[in-house]
């Protein structure tokens, strides 16, 4: 029975390398840039749709006479 007993050892604390902090900062900034680009895409899409709607309304006004 004693053959099956295993001693549990606590893992030693290893301090993460300094590069992990740097990569976390880069990921954070890239995430912010991606968010800004995503918002810009939506704003451009909204402007294009609004211009298309105005164009359709003007076209209908011309066709109506």
N, C-alpha and C. Protein backbone atom coordinates (compact mmCIF):
# COMPACT_ATOMS: atom_id res chain seq x y z
N UNK A 1 0.82 -1.20 0.00
CA UNK A 1 0.00 0.00 0.00
C UNK A 1 0.86 1.26 0.00
N UNK A 2 1.99 1.21 0.66
CA UNK A 2 2.87 2.37 0.74
C UNK A 2 3.46 2.74 -0.62
N UNK A 3 3.46 1.80 -1.56
CA UNK A 3 3.99 2.09 -2.88
C UNK A 3 3.12 3.09 -3.63
N UNK A 4 1.86 3.16 -3.29
CA UNK A 4 0.92 4.02 -4.02
C UNK A 4 0.82 5.42 -3.42
N UNK A 5 1.48 5.66 -2.33
CA UNK A 5 1.43 6.98 -1.70
C UNK A 5 2.46 7.88 -2.35
N UNK A 6 2.00 9.02 -2.79
CA UNK A 6 2.88 9.98 -3.44
C UNK A 6 2.88 11.26 -2.63
N UNK A 7 4.05 11.79 -2.39
CA UNK A 7 4.14 13.05 -1.66
C UNK A 7 3.78 14.20 -2.59
N UNK A 8 2.93 15.07 -2.12
CA UNK A 8 2.55 16.25 -2.89
C UNK A 8 3.49 17.38 -2.52
N UNK A 9 4.09 17.97 -3.52
CA UNK A 9 5.00 19.09 -3.29
C UNK A 9 4.38 20.34 -3.88
N UNK A 10 4.54 21.42 -3.18
CA UNK A 10 4.07 22.69 -3.71
C UNK A 10 5.05 23.15 -4.78
N UNK A 11 4.51 23.64 -5.90
CA UNK A 11 5.43 24.15 -6.93
C UNK A 11 6.11 25.43 -6.43
N UNK A 12 7.36 25.55 -6.76
CA UNK A 12 8.09 26.74 -6.36
C UNK A 12 7.59 27.93 -7.17
N UNK A 13 7.51 29.08 -6.52
CA UNK A 13 7.05 30.29 -7.20
C UNK A 13 8.14 30.75 -8.14
N UNK A 14 7.77 30.89 -9.39
CA UNK A 14 8.71 31.38 -10.39
C UNK A 14 8.19 32.72 -10.87
N UNK A 15 9.02 33.73 -10.74
CA UNK A 15 8.62 35.06 -11.17
C UNK A 15 8.58 35.10 -12.70
N UNK A 16 7.48 35.63 -13.25
CA UNK A 16 7.39 35.68 -14.71
C UNK A 16 8.47 36.59 -15.29
N UNK A 17 8.91 36.27 -16.48
CA UNK A 17 9.94 37.14 -17.08
C UNK A 17 9.40 38.55 -17.34
N UNK A 18 10.30 39.48 -17.44
CA UNK A 18 9.92 40.87 -17.65
C UNK A 18 9.23 41.05 -19.00
N UNK A 19 9.55 40.22 -19.97
CA UNK A 19 8.96 40.37 -21.29
C UNK A 19 7.45 40.13 -21.26
N UNK A 20 6.97 39.35 -20.30
CA UNK A 20 5.52 39.14 -20.20
C UNK A 20 4.80 40.45 -19.95
N UNK A 21 5.36 41.31 -19.11
CA UNK A 21 4.75 42.60 -18.85
C UNK A 21 4.74 43.45 -20.12
N UNK A 22 5.84 43.41 -20.85
CA UNK A 22 5.94 44.19 -22.08
C UNK A 22 4.92 43.70 -23.10
N UNK A 23 4.80 42.38 -23.25
CA UNK A 23 3.84 41.82 -24.20
C UNK A 23 2.41 42.14 -23.77
N UNK A 24 2.15 42.17 -22.47
CA UNK A 24 0.81 42.53 -22.00
C UNK A 24 0.49 43.97 -22.36
N UNK A 25 1.47 44.86 -22.24
CA UNK A 25 1.25 46.26 -22.62
C UNK A 25 0.98 46.38 -24.12
N UNK A 26 1.75 45.64 -24.92
CA UNK A 26 1.56 45.68 -26.38
C UNK A 26 0.17 45.15 -26.74
N UNK A 27 -0.23 44.04 -26.11
CA UNK A 27 -1.56 43.49 -26.38
C UNK A 27 -2.65 44.47 -26.00
N UNK A 28 -2.47 45.16 -24.88
CA UNK A 28 -3.46 46.14 -24.44
C UNK A 28 -3.59 47.27 -25.45
N UNK A 29 -2.46 47.80 -25.91
CA UNK A 29 -2.50 48.90 -26.87
C UNK A 29 -3.07 48.44 -28.21
N UNK A 30 -2.71 47.24 -28.65
CA UNK A 30 -3.25 46.73 -29.91
C UNK A 30 -4.76 46.52 -29.80
N UNK A 31 -5.22 46.09 -28.64
CA UNK A 31 -6.65 45.94 -28.43
C UNK A 31 -7.38 47.26 -28.54
N UNK A 32 -6.77 48.31 -27.98
CA UNK A 32 -7.39 49.64 -28.08
C UNK A 32 -7.42 50.12 -29.54
N UNK A 33 -6.33 49.87 -30.26
CA UNK A 33 -6.29 50.28 -31.67
C UNK A 33 -7.35 49.54 -32.47
N UNK A 34 -7.49 48.23 -32.22
CA UNK A 34 -8.51 47.46 -32.92
C UNK A 34 -9.90 47.98 -32.61
N UNK A 35 -10.14 48.37 -31.37
CA UNK A 35 -11.44 48.93 -30.99
C UNK A 35 -11.71 50.24 -31.74
N UNK A 36 -10.70 51.09 -31.84
CA UNK A 36 -10.87 52.36 -32.56
C UNK A 36 -11.13 52.11 -34.04
N UNK A 37 -10.42 51.16 -34.64
CA UNK A 37 -10.63 50.85 -36.05
C UNK A 37 -12.03 50.30 -36.27
N UNK A 38 -12.49 49.45 -35.35
CA UNK A 38 -13.83 48.88 -35.46
C UNK A 38 -14.89 49.98 -35.40
N UNK A 39 -14.72 50.93 -34.48
CA UNK A 39 -15.67 52.05 -34.40
C UNK A 39 -15.64 52.90 -35.66
N UNK A 40 -14.44 53.12 -36.19
CA UNK A 40 -14.31 53.91 -37.41
C UNK A 40 -15.00 53.23 -38.58
N UNK A 41 -14.86 51.91 -38.67
CA UNK A 41 -15.54 51.16 -39.74
C UNK A 41 -17.05 51.34 -39.65
N UNK A 42 -17.60 51.26 -38.42
CA UNK A 42 -19.04 51.43 -38.25
C UNK A 42 -19.48 52.84 -38.62
N UNK A 43 -18.67 53.84 -38.27
CA UNK A 43 -19.03 55.22 -38.60
C UNK A 43 -19.01 55.44 -40.10
N UNK A 44 -18.01 54.88 -40.77
CA UNK A 44 -17.95 55.01 -42.23
C UNK A 44 -19.13 54.30 -42.87
N UNK A 45 -19.48 53.12 -42.38
CA UNK A 45 -20.64 52.39 -42.91
C UNK A 45 -21.92 53.20 -42.70
N UNK A 46 -22.06 53.83 -41.55
CA UNK A 46 -23.24 54.65 -41.27
C UNK A 46 -23.31 55.85 -42.21
N UNK A 47 -22.18 56.49 -42.47
CA UNK A 47 -22.14 57.64 -43.38
C UNK A 47 -22.50 57.21 -44.79
N UNK A 48 -21.96 56.07 -45.24
CA UNK A 48 -22.26 55.57 -46.59
C UNK A 48 -23.75 55.24 -46.71
N UNK A 49 -24.32 54.62 -45.71
CA UNK A 49 -25.76 54.29 -45.76
C UNK A 49 -26.61 55.56 -45.76
N UNK A 50 -26.20 56.56 -44.99
CA UNK A 50 -26.96 57.82 -44.97
C UNK A 50 -26.88 58.50 -46.33
N UNK A 51 -25.71 58.50 -46.94
CA UNK A 51 -25.57 59.11 -48.27
C UNK A 51 -26.40 58.35 -49.30
N UNK A 52 -26.43 57.03 -49.19
CA UNK A 52 -27.23 56.23 -50.12
C UNK A 52 -28.71 56.54 -49.94
N UNK A 53 -29.14 56.70 -48.69
CA UNK A 53 -30.55 57.02 -48.44
C UNK A 53 -30.91 58.38 -49.02
N UNK A 54 -30.03 59.37 -48.85
CA UNK A 54 -30.29 60.70 -49.41
C UNK A 54 -30.33 60.61 -50.93
N UNK A 55 -29.43 59.84 -51.52
CA UNK A 55 -29.41 59.67 -52.97
C UNK A 55 -30.71 59.04 -53.46
N UNK A 56 -31.20 58.03 -52.77
CA UNK A 56 -32.45 57.38 -53.17
C UNK A 56 -33.61 58.36 -53.05
N UNK A 57 -33.65 59.15 -51.99
CA UNK A 57 -34.72 60.13 -51.84
C UNK A 57 -34.67 61.19 -52.94
N UNK A 58 -33.48 61.66 -53.28
CA UNK A 58 -33.34 62.64 -54.36
C UNK A 58 -33.74 62.02 -55.70
N UNK A 59 -33.38 60.77 -55.92
CA UNK A 59 -33.74 60.07 -57.16
C UNK A 59 -35.26 59.93 -57.27
N UNK A 60 -35.92 59.60 -56.16
CA UNK A 60 -37.36 59.50 -56.17
C UNK A 60 -38.01 60.86 -56.44
N UNK A 61 -37.42 61.92 -55.87
CA UNK A 61 -37.96 63.26 -56.10
C UNK A 61 -37.82 63.65 -57.57
N UNK A 62 -36.73 63.28 -58.20
CA UNK A 62 -36.53 63.60 -59.63
C UNK A 62 -37.49 62.79 -60.48
N UNK A 63 -37.66 61.51 -60.16
CA UNK A 63 -38.56 60.66 -60.95
C UNK A 63 -40.02 61.06 -60.77
N UNK A 64 -40.34 61.56 -59.58
CA UNK A 64 -41.73 61.98 -59.32
C UNK A 64 -42.07 63.24 -60.10
N UNK A 65 -41.09 64.05 -60.30
CA UNK A 65 -41.36 65.19 -61.18
C UNK A 65 -41.24 66.46 -60.50
